[in-house]
Amino acid sequence: MVIRQFNQVMNANSIITAPYMIPSKQRFIPVFEHFGLDVIAPEVEERMEEDDILKYAGKFDATICGDDQYSRRVWKNAPPG
């Protein structure tokens, strides 16, 4: 259901920062791309801090994250791309 909705979105970007997915990102990226999502997959060791996430502000529409620092400041400054 959610995947079907993403399939209808043009030029959508997702950012993957969940550390447990990063080692297997090549397995997941083709699936996301199949449904019309471009993937941003920065190198993450444990989590992304607020300033790290803000470097991608406005460049993503969806995220798969761990315990990254998605603060009020991030949400205010990082509207969907």
C-alpha atoms as a PDB file:
ATOM      1  CA  MET A   1       0.000   0.000   0.000  1.00  0.00           C
ATOM      2  CA  VAL A   2       2.648   2.538   0.960  1.00  0.00           C
ATOM      3  CA  ILE A   3       4.881   1.251  -1.827  1.00  0.00           C
ATOM      4  CA  ARG A   4       2.076   1.810  -4.297  1.00  0.00           C
ATOM      5  CA  GLN A   5       1.815   5.434  -3.164  1.00  0.00           C
ATOM      6  CA  PHE A   6       5.561   5.954  -3.612  1.00  0.00           C
ATOM      7  CA  ASN A   7       5.347   4.436  -7.066  1.00  0.00           C
ATOM      8  CA  GLN A   8       3.074   7.310  -8.053  1.00  0.00           C
ATOM      9  CA  VAL A   9       5.508   9.993  -6.835  1.00  0.00           C
ATOM     10  CA  MET A  10       7.830  11.463  -9.436  1.00  0.00           C
ATOM     11  CA  ASN A  11      11.433  12.311  -8.516  1.00  0.00           C
ATOM     12  CA  ALA A  12      11.101  11.207  -4.896  1.00  0.00           C
ATOM     13  CA  ASN A  13      14.287  10.803  -2.875  1.00  0.00           C
ATOM     14  CA  SER A  14      14.847   8.670   0.177  1.00  0.00           C
ATOM     15  CA  ILE A  15      17.756   8.738   2.584  1.00  0.00           C
ATOM     16  CA  ILE A  16      18.881   5.567   4.325  1.00  0.00           C
ATOM     17  CA  THR A  17      20.857   6.148   7.508  1.00  0.00           C
ATOM     18  CA  ALA A  18      19.947   3.063   9.529  1.00  0.00           C
ATOM     19  CA  PRO A  19      23.327   1.471  10.351  1.00  0.00           C
ATOM     20  CA  TYR A  20      21.950  -2.056  10.068  1.00  0.00           C
ATOM     21  CA  MET A  21      20.868  -1.381   6.463  1.00  0.00           C
ATOM     22  CA  ILE A  22      24.021   0.371   5.245  1.00  0.00           C
ATOM     23  CA  PRO A  23      26.074  -2.840   4.811  1.00  0.00           C
ATOM     24  CA  SER A  24      23.247  -4.296   2.693  1.00  0.00           C
ATOM     25  CA  LYS A  25      22.265  -1.116   0.847  1.00  0.00           C
ATOM     26  CA  GLN A  26      23.060  -2.616  -2.570  1.00  0.00           C
ATOM     27  CA  ARG A  27      20.359  -5.184  -1.842  1.00  0.00           C
ATOM     28  CA  PHE A  28      17.715  -2.534  -1.113  1.00  0.00           C
ATOM     29  CA  ILE A  29      18.558   0.244  -3.574  1.00  0.00           C
ATOM     30  CA  PRO A  30      17.230  -1.609  -6.666  1.00  0.00           C
ATOM     31  CA  VAL A  31      13.918  -2.212  -4.878  1.00  0.00           C
ATOM     32  CA  PHE A  32      13.503   1.465  -4.037  1.00  0.00           C
ATOM     33  CA  GLU A  33      14.504   2.491  -7.557  1.00  0.00           C
ATOM     34  CA  HIS A  34      11.975   0.051  -8.999  1.00  0.00           C
ATOM     35  CA  PHE A  35       9.265   2.006  -7.183  1.00  0.00           C
ATOM     36  CA  GLY A  36      10.558   5.381  -8.335  1.00  0.00           C
ATOM     37  CA  LEU A  37      12.682   6.384  -5.344  1.00  0.00           C
ATOM     38  CA  ASP A  38      16.203   7.668  -5.758  1.00  0.00           C
ATOM     39  CA  VAL A  39      18.354   6.685  -2.795  1.00  0.00           C
ATOM     40  CA  ILE A  40      20.816   8.745  -0.795  1.00  0.00           C
ATOM     41  CA  ALA A  41      22.946   6.427   1.345  1.00  0.00           C
ATOM     42  CA  PRO A  42      25.655   8.309   3.248  1.00  0.00           C
ATOM     43  CA  GLU A  43      28.221   6.400   5.277  1.00  0.00           C
ATOM     44  CA  VAL A  44      26.958   6.146   8.849  1.00  0.00           C
ATOM     45  CA  GLU A  45      28.768   4.484  11.724  1.00  0.00           C
ATOM     46  CA  GLU A  46      26.277   4.748  14.566  1.00  0.00           C
ATOM     47  CA  ARG A  47      23.861   7.571  13.801  1.00  0.00           C
ATOM     48  CA  MET A  48      23.656  10.927  12.089  1.00  0.00           C
ATOM     49  CA  GLU A  49      23.785  13.993  14.269  1.00  0.00           C
ATOM     50  CA  GLU A  50      21.586  17.012  13.664  1.00  0.00           C
ATOM     51  CA  ASP A  51      24.239  18.896  11.642  1.00  0.00           C
ATOM     52  CA  ASP A  52      24.897  15.805   9.498  1.00  0.00           C
ATOM     53  CA  ILE A  53      21.223  15.487   8.601  1.00  0.00           C
ATOM     54  CA  LEU A  54      20.972  19.204   7.848  1.00  0.00           C
ATOM     55  CA  LYS A  55      23.581  18.753   5.096  1.00  0.00           C
ATOM     56  CA  TYR A  56      20.828  16.892   3.227  1.00  0.00           C
ATOM     57  CA  ALA A  57      18.087  19.420   4.026  1.00  0.00           C
ATOM     58  CA  GLY A  58      15.550  19.626   1.228  1.00  0.00           C
ATOM     59  CA  LYS A  59      17.104  16.725  -0.667  1.00  0.00           C
ATOM     60  CA  PHE A  60      14.907  13.871   0.595  1.00  0.00           C
ATOM     61  CA  ASP A  61      11.220  13.053   0.856  1.00  0.00           C
ATOM     62  CA  ALA A  62      11.455   9.921   3.004  1.00  0.00           C
ATOM     63  CA  THR A  63      13.901   8.373   5.440  1.00  0.00           C
ATOM     64  CA  ILE A  64      14.771   5.010   6.889  1.00  0.00           C
ATOM     65  CA  CYS A  65      16.721   5.839   9.984  1.00  0.00           C
ATOM     66  CA  GLY A  66      17.869   4.492  13.300  1.00  0.00           C
ATOM     67  CA  ASP A  67      18.231   6.816  16.261  1.00  0.00           C
ATOM     68  CA  ASP A  68      19.422   9.758  14.193  1.00  0.00           C
ATOM     69  CA  GLN A  69      18.964  13.224  15.662  1.00  0.00           C
ATOM     70  CA  TYR A  70      15.808  14.326  13.819  1.00  0.00           C
ATOM     71  CA  SER A  71      15.260  17.379  15.989  1.00  0.00           C
ATOM     72  CA  ARG A  72      12.732  20.180  15.670  1.00  0.00           C
ATOM     73  CA  ARG A  73      15.458  22.173  13.867  1.00  0.00           C
ATOM     74  CA  VAL A  74      15.884  19.384  11.302  1.00  0.00           C
ATOM     75  CA  TRP A  75      12.148  19.131  10.599  1.00  0.00           C
ATOM     76  CA  LYS A  76      11.886  22.909  10.262  1.00  0.00           C
ATOM     77  CA  ASN A  77      14.820  23.178   7.843  1.00  0.00           C
ATOM     78  CA  ALA A  78      14.465  19.955   5.889  1.00  0.00           C
ATOM     79  CA  PRO A  79      11.135  20.031   4.068  1.00  0.00           C
ATOM     80  CA  PRO A  80      10.681  17.334   1.428  1.00  0.00           C
ATOM     81  CA  GLY A  81      12.769  17.769  -1.703  1.00  0.00           C
END
